[in-house]
Amino acid sequence: MSDILVIKVNMFCRSRELNDIRRYILSQVENSNVVVLPAYCEAQIVPDDMEIQVEDLSGEQV
């Protein structure tokens, strides 16, 4: 239904850090339909053909 991925970052970041997060997510989208988000990110809108996974603070996927 949706063709857009909207991610909310739940921490204060500088624009450079936000850009790094953006590039990290885009590289995953280009390579597969699975996106692994850091624990401080939250998916708001997800395309139907995409799977979202979240890392906990230790770096393991939940």
Foldseek 3Di string as FASTA:
>chain_A
DDPDKDKDFQDDDDPVVVVVQVVQQVVDVVVDQEGEAEPRMDIDDHDPSHHYWYADPVRHTD
